[in-house]
């Protein structure tokens, strides 16, 4: 957000995102918001001068196009409110319209990304399913079903194991 507020070069923003992806404690940085609900894309829409930075942020987190601040403003509304350049506003308009229409091919063409990756990142149900399956995997990895447990577990591990075998691998195969 700091880089977007202060018009840092595209290369620096890319480097920061890449480094965050490599550190498991920082992978969710693009989803973090300020105290008034601004995400990185909101900050870029207000102050950054390079539309390529907005393209990068949209490729990484397309749902940020729909996110609203505490004042119910999307990145497009902020760009319009602050009279951003025509290329910047046009990018946000096209990307927002493509996402709203679920036209991932058009969105991918606009932000120079992968239609498949954008569809996966923009699908709340897909993300929720992956999160659920990942949670089951972590539970199984932490406490194996064959180990006796002396405290109350939040879920039935044998059921989790069955669900994991059924769902996770099918999701992985769908993804591949």
N, C-alpha and C. Protein backbone atom coordinates (compact mmCIF):
# COMPACT_ATOMS: atom_id res chain seq x y z
N UNK A 1 0.83 -1.19 0.00
CA UNK A 1 0.00 0.00 0.00
C UNK A 1 0.87 1.25 0.00
N UNK A 2 1.94 1.21 0.78
CA UNK A 2 2.84 2.35 0.85
C UNK A 2 3.43 2.63 -0.54
N UNK A 3 3.85 1.57 -1.23
CA UNK A 3 4.41 1.73 -2.57
C UNK A 3 3.40 2.31 -3.54
N UNK A 4 2.14 1.91 -3.41
CA UNK A 4 1.09 2.43 -4.29
C UNK A 4 0.76 3.87 -3.96
N UNK A 5 0.78 4.22 -2.70
CA UNK A 5 0.48 5.61 -2.30
C UNK A 5 1.55 6.58 -2.75
N UNK A 6 2.79 6.10 -2.87
CA UNK A 6 3.90 6.99 -3.18
C UNK A 6 4.48 6.76 -4.57
N UNK A 7 3.68 6.19 -5.46
CA UNK A 7 4.04 5.98 -6.87
C UNK A 7 5.41 5.32 -7.04
N UNK A 8 5.63 4.24 -6.32
CA UNK A 8 6.87 3.48 -6.49
C UNK A 8 6.89 2.88 -7.88
N UNK A 9 8.07 2.67 -8.44
CA UNK A 9 8.16 2.08 -9.79
C UNK A 9 7.55 0.68 -9.83
N UNK A 10 7.07 0.31 -11.00
CA UNK A 10 6.45 -1.00 -11.21
C UNK A 10 7.38 -2.12 -10.75
N UNK A 11 8.66 -2.02 -11.06
CA UNK A 11 9.62 -3.06 -10.71
C UNK A 11 9.67 -3.28 -9.20
N UNK A 12 9.60 -2.20 -8.43
CA UNK A 12 9.64 -2.32 -6.97
C UNK A 12 8.37 -2.99 -6.46
N UNK A 13 7.23 -2.62 -7.00
CA UNK A 13 5.96 -3.23 -6.58
C UNK A 13 5.99 -4.72 -6.92
N UNK A 14 6.48 -5.07 -8.12
CA UNK A 14 6.59 -6.48 -8.51
C UNK A 14 7.50 -7.24 -7.56
N UNK A 15 8.63 -6.65 -7.23
CA UNK A 15 9.58 -7.29 -6.33
C UNK A 15 8.97 -7.52 -4.96
N UNK A 16 8.24 -6.53 -4.46
CA UNK A 16 7.61 -6.66 -3.14
C UNK A 16 6.57 -7.78 -3.14
N UNK A 17 5.78 -7.87 -4.20
CA UNK A 17 4.77 -8.92 -4.29
C UNK A 17 5.43 -10.29 -4.41
N UNK A 18 6.47 -10.39 -5.22
CA UNK A 18 7.18 -11.66 -5.39
C UNK A 18 7.80 -12.11 -4.07
N UNK A 19 8.43 -11.21 -3.36
CA UNK A 19 9.02 -11.56 -2.06
C UNK A 19 7.94 -11.96 -1.06
N UNK A 20 6.80 -11.30 -1.10
CA UNK A 20 5.71 -11.66 -0.18
C UNK A 20 5.19 -13.06 -0.48
N UNK A 21 5.13 -13.43 -1.76
CA UNK A 21 4.65 -14.76 -2.12
C UNK A 21 5.59 -15.85 -1.61
N UNK A 22 6.88 -15.53 -1.52
CA UNK A 22 7.86 -16.51 -1.07
C UNK A 22 7.87 -16.68 0.44
N UNK A 23 7.33 -15.72 1.16
CA UNK A 23 7.29 -15.77 2.62
C UNK A 23 5.87 -16.12 3.04
N UNK A 24 5.69 -17.30 3.62
CA UNK A 24 4.34 -17.77 3.96
C UNK A 24 3.61 -16.85 4.92
N UNK A 25 4.34 -16.05 5.70
CA UNK A 25 3.68 -15.14 6.63
C UNK A 25 3.18 -13.88 5.94
N UNK A 26 3.60 -13.63 4.70
CA UNK A 26 3.24 -12.40 4.01
C UNK A 26 2.44 -12.61 2.74
N UNK A 27 2.02 -13.83 2.44
CA UNK A 27 1.34 -14.11 1.18
C UNK A 27 0.03 -13.38 1.01
N UNK A 28 -0.60 -13.00 2.07
CA UNK A 28 -1.92 -12.38 1.97
C UNK A 28 -1.85 -10.85 2.01
N UNK A 29 -0.69 -10.27 1.79
CA UNK A 29 -0.54 -8.82 1.93
C UNK A 29 -1.46 -8.02 1.01
N UNK A 30 -1.75 -8.52 -0.18
CA UNK A 30 -2.60 -7.76 -1.10
C UNK A 30 -4.04 -7.68 -0.60
N UNK A 31 -4.44 -8.60 0.26
CA UNK A 31 -5.81 -8.60 0.77
C UNK A 31 -5.96 -7.74 2.02
N UNK A 32 -4.86 -7.24 2.56
CA UNK A 32 -4.92 -6.41 3.76
C UNK A 32 -5.43 -5.02 3.39
N UNK A 33 -6.21 -4.43 4.28
CA UNK A 33 -6.72 -3.08 4.04
C UNK A 33 -6.28 -2.14 5.16
N UNK A 34 -6.35 -0.86 4.87
CA UNK A 34 -6.05 0.15 5.88
C UNK A 34 -7.22 0.27 6.84
N UNK A 35 -7.09 1.12 7.83
CA UNK A 35 -8.17 1.27 8.82
C UNK A 35 -9.46 1.79 8.20
N UNK A 36 -9.38 2.47 7.05
CA UNK A 36 -10.60 2.94 6.40
C UNK A 36 -11.02 2.08 5.20
N UNK A 37 -10.46 0.85 5.13
CA UNK A 37 -10.90 -0.11 4.14
C UNK A 37 -10.24 -0.03 2.78
N UNK A 38 -9.17 0.73 2.64
CA UNK A 38 -8.47 0.82 1.36
C UNK A 38 -7.52 -0.35 1.18
N UNK A 39 -7.65 -1.05 0.06
CA UNK A 39 -6.71 -2.10 -0.31
C UNK A 39 -5.63 -1.45 -1.19
N UNK A 40 -4.63 -2.23 -1.57
CA UNK A 40 -3.54 -1.70 -2.40
C UNK A 40 -4.08 -1.11 -3.71
N UNK A 41 -5.08 -1.76 -4.31
CA UNK A 41 -5.63 -1.25 -5.56
C UNK A 41 -6.34 0.08 -5.36
N UNK A 42 -6.99 0.27 -4.22
CA UNK A 42 -7.61 1.57 -3.91
C UNK A 42 -6.53 2.65 -3.83
N UNK A 43 -5.42 2.33 -3.16
CA UNK A 43 -4.33 3.30 -3.02
C UNK A 43 -3.74 3.65 -4.39
N UNK A 44 -3.56 2.65 -5.24
CA UNK A 44 -3.05 2.90 -6.58
C UNK A 44 -4.04 3.74 -7.39
N UNK A 45 -5.32 3.45 -7.25
CA UNK A 45 -6.35 4.19 -7.99
C UNK A 45 -6.37 5.66 -7.59
N UNK A 46 -6.00 5.93 -6.37
CA UNK A 46 -6.02 7.32 -5.90
C UNK A 46 -4.75 8.08 -6.26
N UNK A 47 -3.59 7.42 -6.16
CA UNK A 47 -2.35 8.19 -6.26
C UNK A 47 -1.32 7.72 -7.27
N UNK A 48 -1.34 6.47 -7.68
CA UNK A 48 -0.26 5.99 -8.55
C UNK A 48 -0.46 6.47 -9.97
N UNK A 49 0.63 6.73 -10.65
CA UNK A 49 0.55 7.29 -12.00
C UNK A 49 0.67 6.23 -13.10
N UNK A 50 1.10 5.02 -12.77
CA UNK A 50 1.37 4.00 -13.78
C UNK A 50 0.26 2.95 -13.83
N UNK A 51 -0.49 2.88 -14.93
CA UNK A 51 -1.55 1.87 -15.04
C UNK A 51 -1.01 0.44 -14.96
N UNK A 52 0.28 0.24 -15.28
CA UNK A 52 0.86 -1.10 -15.21
C UNK A 52 0.86 -1.63 -13.78
N UNK A 53 0.95 -0.75 -12.80
CA UNK A 53 0.87 -1.16 -11.40
C UNK A 53 -0.53 -1.67 -11.10
N UNK A 54 -1.53 -0.98 -11.59
CA UNK A 54 -2.92 -1.43 -11.40
C UNK A 54 -3.13 -2.78 -12.09
N UNK A 55 -2.57 -2.97 -13.29
CA UNK A 55 -2.66 -4.25 -13.98
C UNK A 55 -2.08 -5.37 -13.12
N UNK A 56 -0.91 -5.12 -12.55
CA UNK A 56 -0.25 -6.10 -11.70
C UNK A 56 -1.13 -6.45 -10.49
N UNK A 57 -1.66 -5.44 -9.84
CA UNK A 57 -2.49 -5.67 -8.66
C UNK A 57 -3.77 -6.44 -9.02
N UNK A 58 -4.34 -6.15 -10.17
CA UNK A 58 -5.55 -6.86 -10.62
C UNK A 58 -5.21 -8.31 -10.95
N UNK A 59 -4.07 -8.54 -11.59
CA UNK A 59 -3.65 -9.92 -11.88
C UNK A 59 -3.47 -10.74 -10.60
N UNK A 60 -2.96 -10.10 -9.58
CA UNK A 60 -2.69 -10.79 -8.33
C UNK A 60 -3.94 -10.99 -7.48
N UNK A 61 -4.87 -10.03 -7.52
CA UNK A 61 -6.08 -10.11 -6.69
C UNK A 61 -7.24 -9.44 -7.42
N UNK A 62 -7.84 -10.14 -8.40
CA UNK A 62 -8.91 -9.52 -9.21
C UNK A 62 -10.13 -9.10 -8.40
N UNK A 63 -10.40 -9.77 -7.28
CA UNK A 63 -11.57 -9.39 -6.48
C UNK A 63 -11.42 -8.02 -5.84
N UNK A 64 -10.20 -7.46 -5.84
CA UNK A 64 -10.01 -6.11 -5.31
C UNK A 64 -10.77 -5.08 -6.14
N UNK A 65 -11.09 -5.41 -7.39
CA UNK A 65 -11.89 -4.50 -8.22
C UNK A 65 -13.27 -4.26 -7.62
N UNK A 66 -13.79 -5.25 -6.91
CA UNK A 66 -15.13 -5.15 -6.32
C UNK A 66 -15.10 -4.69 -4.87
N UNK A 67 -13.92 -4.68 -4.27
CA UNK A 67 -13.82 -4.32 -2.85
C UNK A 67 -14.19 -2.86 -2.65
N UNK A 68 -14.85 -2.60 -1.54
CA UNK A 68 -15.25 -1.23 -1.23
C UNK A 68 -14.57 -0.77 0.06
N UNK A 69 -14.34 0.52 0.12
CA UNK A 69 -13.77 1.13 1.32
C UNK A 69 -14.89 1.31 2.35
N UNK A 70 -14.54 1.89 3.48
CA UNK A 70 -15.56 2.18 4.49
C UNK A 70 -16.58 3.21 3.99
N UNK A 71 -16.22 3.92 2.93
CA UNK A 71 -17.11 4.91 2.32
C UNK A 71 -17.83 4.34 1.10
N UNK A 72 -17.80 3.00 0.97
CA UNK A 72 -18.45 2.27 -0.13
C UNK A 72 -17.95 2.69 -1.51
N UNK A 73 -16.66 2.88 -1.64
CA UNK A 73 -16.08 3.24 -2.95
C UNK A 73 -15.19 2.11 -3.45
N UNK A 74 -15.38 1.76 -4.72
CA UNK A 74 -14.53 0.79 -5.39
C UNK A 74 -13.30 1.51 -5.93
N UNK A 75 -12.28 0.78 -6.37
CA UNK A 75 -11.13 1.44 -6.99
C UNK A 75 -11.52 2.32 -8.19
N UNK A 76 -12.47 1.85 -9.00
CA UNK A 76 -12.92 2.64 -10.14
C UNK A 76 -13.55 3.95 -9.68
N UNK A 77 -14.38 3.90 -8.66
CA UNK A 77 -15.00 5.12 -8.15
C UNK A 77 -13.96 6.09 -7.58
N UNK A 78 -12.95 5.55 -6.95
CA UNK A 78 -11.87 6.42 -6.42
C UNK A 78 -11.11 7.07 -7.56
N UNK A 79 -10.79 6.29 -8.60
CA UNK A 79 -10.08 6.85 -9.75
C UNK A 79 -10.88 7.96 -10.41
N UNK A 80 -12.18 7.77 -10.51
CA UNK A 80 -13.05 8.79 -11.10
C UNK A 80 -13.14 10.02 -10.19
N UNK A 81 -13.28 9.78 -8.90
CA UNK A 81 -13.38 10.87 -7.93
C UNK A 81 -12.14 11.76 -7.94
N UNK A 82 -10.97 11.14 -8.11
CA UNK A 82 -9.71 11.90 -8.08
C UNK A 82 -9.21 12.26 -9.48
N UNK A 83 -10.07 12.17 -10.47
CA UNK A 83 -9.75 12.58 -11.85
C UNK A 83 -8.43 11.99 -12.34
N UNK A 84 -8.33 10.67 -12.22
CA UNK A 84 -7.13 9.97 -12.69
C UNK A 84 -7.05 10.06 -14.20
N UNK A 85 -5.89 9.73 -14.74
CA UNK A 85 -5.69 9.81 -16.19
C UNK A 85 -6.65 8.87 -16.91
N UNK A 86 -6.90 9.18 -18.18
CA UNK A 86 -7.81 8.36 -18.98
C UNK A 86 -7.35 6.90 -19.09
N UNK A 87 -6.05 6.64 -19.33
CA UNK A 87 -5.63 5.23 -19.41
C UNK A 87 -5.87 4.46 -18.10
N UNK A 88 -5.64 5.13 -16.98
CA UNK A 88 -5.82 4.49 -15.67
C UNK A 88 -7.30 4.18 -15.45
N UNK A 89 -8.16 5.16 -15.66
CA UNK A 89 -9.60 4.99 -15.47
C UNK A 89 -10.17 3.98 -16.46
N UNK A 90 -9.67 4.02 -17.69
CA UNK A 90 -10.13 3.08 -18.71
C UNK A 90 -9.78 1.64 -18.32
N UNK A 91 -8.58 1.44 -17.81
CA UNK A 91 -8.17 0.11 -17.36
C UNK A 91 -9.11 -0.41 -16.27
N UNK A 92 -9.35 0.42 -15.28
CA UNK A 92 -10.23 0.00 -14.18
C UNK A 92 -11.66 -0.25 -14.67
N UNK A 93 -12.13 0.58 -15.58
CA UNK A 93 -13.49 0.41 -16.13
C UNK A 93 -13.60 -0.91 -16.88
N UNK A 94 -12.67 -1.15 -17.79
CA UNK A 94 -12.69 -2.39 -18.59
C UNK A 94 -12.54 -3.62 -17.71
N UNK A 95 -11.62 -3.56 -16.76
CA UNK A 95 -11.38 -4.71 -15.89
C UNK A 95 -12.60 -4.99 -15.01
N UNK A 96 -13.18 -3.94 -14.45
CA UNK A 96 -14.36 -4.10 -13.59
C UNK A 96 -15.53 -4.68 -14.39
N UNK A 97 -15.75 -4.19 -15.59
CA UNK A 97 -16.84 -4.69 -16.44
C UNK A 97 -16.60 -6.15 -16.84
N UNK A 98 -15.35 -6.50 -17.16
CA UNK A 98 -15.03 -7.88 -17.53
C UNK A 98 -15.25 -8.82 -16.36
N UNK A 99 -14.82 -8.39 -15.17
CA UNK A 99 -15.01 -9.23 -13.99
C UNK A 99 -16.50 -9.39 -13.67
N UNK A 100 -17.26 -8.31 -13.76
CA UNK A 100 -18.69 -8.37 -13.48
C UNK A 100 -19.41 -9.30 -14.45
N UNK A 101 -18.94 -9.35 -15.70
CA UNK A 101 -19.55 -10.21 -16.71
C UNK A 101 -18.95 -11.62 -16.71
N UNK A 102 -18.00 -11.87 -15.81
CA UNK A 102 -17.27 -13.15 -15.75
C UNK A 102 -16.60 -13.46 -17.08
N UNK A 103 -16.15 -12.42 -17.77
CA UNK A 103 -15.44 -12.57 -19.04
C UNK A 103 -13.94 -12.56 -18.73
N UNK A 104 -13.43 -13.71 -18.32
CA UNK A 104 -12.04 -13.80 -17.88
C UNK A 104 -11.05 -13.69 -19.02
N UNK A 105 -11.48 -14.04 -20.23
CA UNK A 105 -10.61 -13.87 -21.38
C UNK A 105 -10.36 -12.39 -21.64
N UNK A 106 -11.41 -11.58 -21.58
CA UNK A 106 -11.27 -10.13 -21.77
C UNK A 106 -10.46 -9.51 -20.63
N UNK A 107 -10.71 -9.98 -19.41
CA UNK A 107 -9.96 -9.47 -18.26
C UNK A 107 -8.49 -9.82 -18.40
N UNK A 108 -8.21 -11.04 -18.80
CA UNK A 108 -6.82 -11.48 -18.98
C UNK A 108 -6.12 -10.67 -20.07
N UNK A 109 -6.84 -10.40 -21.15
CA UNK A 109 -6.25 -9.59 -22.23
C UNK A 109 -5.95 -8.17 -21.75
N UNK A 110 -6.83 -7.65 -20.91
CA UNK A 110 -6.67 -6.26 -20.44
C UNK A 110 -5.53 -6.10 -19.45
N UNK A 111 -5.30 -7.13 -18.61
CA UNK A 111 -4.25 -7.01 -17.59
C UNK A 111 -3.05 -7.91 -17.88
N UNK A 112 -3.02 -8.48 -19.09
CA UNK A 112 -1.90 -9.31 -19.54
C UNK A 112 -1.67 -10.49 -18.59
N UNK A 113 -2.75 -11.20 -18.29
CA UNK A 113 -2.68 -12.34 -17.38
C UNK A 113 -3.25 -13.59 -18.00
N UNK A 114 -3.40 -14.61 -17.19
CA UNK A 114 -3.96 -15.88 -17.61
C UNK A 114 -5.45 -15.92 -17.28
N UNK A 115 -6.27 -16.22 -18.27
CA UNK A 115 -7.72 -16.29 -18.04
C UNK A 115 -8.05 -17.36 -17.00
N UNK A 116 -7.36 -18.48 -17.05
CA UNK A 116 -7.61 -19.56 -16.10
C UNK A 116 -7.25 -19.13 -14.67
N UNK A 117 -6.09 -18.53 -14.52
CA UNK A 117 -5.66 -18.08 -13.19
C UNK A 117 -6.59 -17.02 -12.64
N UNK A 118 -7.00 -16.08 -13.48
CA UNK A 118 -7.91 -15.03 -13.03
C UNK A 118 -9.27 -15.60 -12.64
N UNK A 119 -9.76 -16.59 -13.39
CA UNK A 119 -11.03 -17.22 -13.05
C UNK A 119 -10.93 -17.89 -11.69
N UNK A 120 -9.83 -18.59 -11.44
CA UNK A 120 -9.65 -19.25 -10.14
C UNK A 120 -9.54 -18.23 -9.01
N UNK A 121 -8.79 -17.17 -9.22
CA UNK A 121 -8.61 -16.16 -8.18
C UNK A 121 -9.88 -15.37 -7.91
N UNK A 122 -10.73 -15.24 -8.93
CA UNK A 122 -11.94 -14.43 -8.79
C UNK A 122 -13.15 -15.23 -8.32
N UNK A 123 -13.01 -16.53 -8.20
CA UNK A 123 -14.15 -17.36 -7.81
C UNK A 123 -14.16 -17.57 -6.30
N UNK A 124 -15.08 -16.91 -5.59
CA UNK A 124 -15.14 -17.09 -4.14
C UNK A 124 -15.41 -18.55 -3.75
N UNK A 125 -16.24 -19.26 -4.50
CA UNK A 125 -16.55 -20.64 -4.15
C UNK A 125 -15.32 -21.53 -4.33
N UNK A 126 -14.55 -21.27 -5.39
CA UNK A 126 -13.33 -22.05 -5.62
C UNK A 126 -12.33 -21.78 -4.50
N UNK A 127 -12.16 -20.51 -4.15
CA UNK A 127 -11.23 -20.14 -3.09
C UNK A 127 -11.66 -20.74 -1.76
N UNK A 128 -12.95 -20.72 -1.48
CA UNK A 128 -13.46 -21.29 -0.23
C UNK A 128 -13.24 -22.79 -0.19
N UNK A 129 -13.45 -23.45 -1.32
CA UNK A 129 -13.25 -24.90 -1.37
C UNK A 129 -11.79 -25.25 -1.15
N UNK A 130 -10.88 -24.52 -1.79
CA UNK A 130 -9.45 -24.76 -1.60
C UNK A 130 -9.06 -24.49 -0.15
N UNK A 131 -9.60 -23.42 0.44
CA UNK A 131 -9.29 -23.10 1.84
C UNK A 131 -9.78 -24.21 2.76
N UNK A 132 -10.99 -24.73 2.53
CA UNK A 132 -11.53 -25.80 3.34
C UNK A 132 -10.68 -27.05 3.23
N UNK A 133 -10.34 -27.42 2.02
CA UNK A 133 -9.53 -28.62 1.81
C UNK A 133 -8.13 -28.44 2.40
N UNK A 134 -7.59 -27.25 2.31
CA UNK A 134 -6.28 -26.99 2.90
C UNK A 134 -6.34 -27.11 4.41
N UNK A 135 -7.44 -26.64 5.01
CA UNK A 135 -7.62 -26.76 6.45
C UNK A 135 -7.66 -28.23 6.86
N UNK A 136 -8.38 -29.05 6.11
CA UNK A 136 -8.43 -30.47 6.41
C UNK A 136 -7.04 -31.09 6.29
N UNK A 137 -6.32 -30.71 5.27
CA UNK A 137 -4.97 -31.23 5.08
C UNK A 137 -4.08 -30.86 6.27
N UNK A 138 -4.17 -29.63 6.73
CA UNK A 138 -3.39 -29.21 7.89
C UNK A 138 -3.78 -29.99 9.14
N UNK A 139 -5.08 -30.21 9.32
CA UNK A 139 -5.54 -31.00 10.47
C UNK A 139 -4.97 -32.40 10.42
N UNK A 140 -5.01 -33.01 9.23
CA UNK A 140 -4.49 -34.37 9.09
C UNK A 140 -2.98 -34.41 9.30
N UNK A 141 -2.30 -33.39 8.81
CA UNK A 141 -0.86 -33.35 8.95
C UNK A 141 -0.46 -33.17 10.42
N UNK A 142 -1.24 -32.39 11.15
CA UNK A 142 -0.94 -32.12 12.55
C UNK A 142 -1.23 -33.33 13.43
N UNK A 143 -2.39 -33.93 13.26
CA UNK A 143 -2.79 -35.08 14.08
C UNK A 143 -3.23 -36.19 13.15
N UNK A 144 -2.40 -37.22 12.99
CA UNK A 144 -2.73 -38.34 12.12
C UNK A 144 -3.90 -39.14 12.69
N UNK A 145 -4.81 -39.66 11.86
CA UNK A 145 -5.98 -40.38 12.37
C UNK A 145 -5.64 -41.59 13.24
N UNK A 146 -4.51 -42.23 13.04
CA UNK A 146 -4.16 -43.43 13.80
C UNK A 146 -3.58 -43.12 15.18
N UNK A 147 -3.23 -41.88 15.44
CA UNK A 147 -2.67 -41.50 16.72
C UNK A 147 -3.81 -41.24 17.69
N UNK A 148 -3.70 -41.81 18.90
CA UNK A 148 -4.77 -41.56 19.88
C UNK A 148 -4.70 -40.11 20.34
N UNK A 149 -5.86 -39.49 20.45
CA UNK A 149 -5.95 -38.09 20.82
C UNK A 149 -6.54 -37.98 22.21
N UNK A 150 -5.88 -37.24 23.10
CA UNK A 150 -6.35 -37.14 24.48
C UNK A 150 -7.21 -35.92 24.72
N UNK A 151 -7.32 -35.03 23.76
CA UNK A 151 -8.16 -33.84 23.92
C UNK A 151 -9.21 -33.83 22.82
N UNK A 152 -10.22 -33.05 23.01
CA UNK A 152 -11.33 -33.00 22.04
C UNK A 152 -10.88 -32.29 20.77
N UNK A 153 -11.03 -32.98 19.66
CA UNK A 153 -10.67 -32.40 18.37
C UNK A 153 -11.86 -31.62 17.80
N UNK A 154 -11.61 -30.53 17.05
CA UNK A 154 -12.72 -29.76 16.50
C UNK A 154 -13.44 -30.45 15.36
N UNK A 155 -12.84 -31.52 14.80
CA UNK A 155 -13.53 -32.25 13.74
C UNK A 155 -13.14 -33.72 13.79
N UNK A 156 -13.96 -34.56 13.21
CA UNK A 156 -13.70 -35.98 13.14
C UNK A 156 -12.61 -36.22 12.10
N UNK A 157 -11.44 -36.68 12.55
CA UNK A 157 -10.31 -36.81 11.63
C UNK A 157 -10.52 -37.91 10.60
N UNK A 158 -11.23 -38.95 10.97
CA UNK A 158 -11.47 -40.01 9.97
C UNK A 158 -12.40 -39.49 8.85
N UNK A 159 -13.38 -38.72 9.25
CA UNK A 159 -14.26 -38.09 8.26
C UNK A 159 -13.46 -37.09 7.43
N UNK A 160 -12.58 -36.34 8.10
CA UNK A 160 -11.73 -35.38 7.38
C UNK A 160 -10.85 -36.10 6.37
N UNK A 161 -10.31 -37.25 6.78
CA UNK A 161 -9.45 -38.01 5.87
C UNK A 161 -10.24 -38.48 4.66
N UNK A 162 -11.45 -38.99 4.88
CA UNK A 162 -12.28 -39.43 3.76
C UNK A 162 -12.63 -38.27 2.85
N UNK A 163 -12.97 -37.14 3.45
CA UNK A 163 -13.31 -35.95 2.67
C UNK A 163 -12.10 -35.45 1.90
N UNK A 164 -10.94 -35.50 2.56
CA UNK A 164 -9.70 -35.06 1.92
C UNK A 164 -9.41 -35.90 0.68
N UNK A 165 -9.48 -37.22 0.84
CA UNK A 165 -9.19 -38.09 -0.29
C UNK A 165 -10.17 -37.87 -1.43
N UNK A 166 -11.42 -37.61 -1.09
CA UNK A 166 -12.45 -37.43 -2.11
C UNK A 166 -12.33 -36.08 -2.80
N UNK A 167 -12.19 -34.99 -2.02
CA UNK A 167 -12.29 -33.65 -2.57
C UNK A 167 -10.97 -33.01 -3.00
N UNK A 168 -9.95 -33.11 -2.16
CA UNK A 168 -8.72 -32.38 -2.44
C UNK A 168 -8.08 -32.85 -3.73
N UNK A 169 -7.99 -34.15 -3.88
CA UNK A 169 -7.30 -34.64 -5.08
C UNK A 169 -8.10 -34.33 -6.34
N UNK A 170 -9.42 -34.33 -6.25
CA UNK A 170 -10.21 -33.97 -7.43
C UNK A 170 -10.03 -32.50 -7.76
N UNK A 171 -9.93 -31.66 -6.72
CA UNK A 171 -9.69 -30.22 -6.96
C UNK A 171 -8.31 -30.02 -7.57
N UNK A 172 -7.32 -30.73 -7.05
CA UNK A 172 -5.97 -30.61 -7.61
C UNK A 172 -5.96 -31.03 -9.06
N UNK A 173 -6.63 -32.13 -9.37
CA UNK A 173 -6.67 -32.58 -10.76
C UNK A 173 -7.41 -31.59 -11.64
N UNK A 174 -8.50 -30.99 -11.12
CA UNK A 174 -9.20 -29.97 -11.90
C UNK A 174 -8.27 -28.79 -12.16
N UNK A 175 -7.50 -28.41 -11.13
CA UNK A 175 -6.61 -27.27 -11.27
C UNK A 175 -5.53 -27.55 -12.30
N UNK A 176 -4.95 -28.75 -12.26
CA UNK A 176 -3.89 -29.12 -13.20
C UNK A 176 -4.48 -29.27 -14.57
